[in-house]
Amino acid sequence: MEHYYYLILDLLTLSYPLAKSFESRLKFVRYWPGVFLGIAVMSILFVPWDVWFTSKGVWGFNEQYISGIHIANLPIEEWLFFIVVPFACSFIYEVLNYFLPNSPLKPAQDKITAVLILVSFVLSVLFVDRIYTFTTFSLLCLLLIWHLLINKSDYLGQFFLAFLIIQIPFLMVNGALTGLFTEEPIVWYNNAENLNLRILTIPVDDIGYNMLMLLIVITVLEQYKVRKFSGVLTVS
């Protein structure tokens, strides 16, 4: 049974948002094309990144808690992670859009973005020799700059609020992955390549990694919604 811990965690993460996708008020299913397009775009960056870091020993997977099925040196459970986690987080984002369409963070979204750009830039410069920290925060810095100065995105306030809410299930899921509930972590990290700071058992770098991953997916989803509702797309 232990060999399926990671797989079970993936399935639990997926179960509720999948079951509620057809709920009559939210109708999250209508956003699926945009969500899965976003996941595909995000995966173009994150899957090779994951394969590379695994091969370099930046992180790895405990064979005790995975099924043993690998594709391109990654456990099948890790491939599923890149589908179920952004899917679940996109669901939370759209639930928030439905019940609270006007984010209280919207008036301050540019300032929040500027602060995050500064923090990401400083971390990527100070820890240029730590590959996880540098890669994560330099890419996040660039994406946030694009949103602030080029795309001038008007949904960042809503994204930041959703991201704060997402930290609750994030602590549970990522805590489970990093050994909060097991004798050994399912996913281990080489602390020489990250900030070597933990929230419970979770590397702090994972927060930036998670924000980068989700912001890519939400960016594509928002682009899809604009094109769909402006009539450019005819998907119903």
Foldseek 3Di string as FASTA:
>chain_A
DQQCQLVVLLCVLQPPLVVCCCPPQLVVVLLVVLLVVLLVVLCVPVVVVVLVCCVVQQKHFDSSRHNPDDDSRHGPSVVSCSVRVLSSLVSLLSVCCRPPVDFPCLVVQLVVLVVLLVVLVVQLVVVVVQALSNVLSVLLNVVSCCCVPPVVDRCSSSVVVSLVVVVVVVCVSQCQQQAVPHPHHRMGGDCSRAPVDDDRRHGPSVSSVVSSSNVSSVVSSVVVVVCPVVPVDPRD
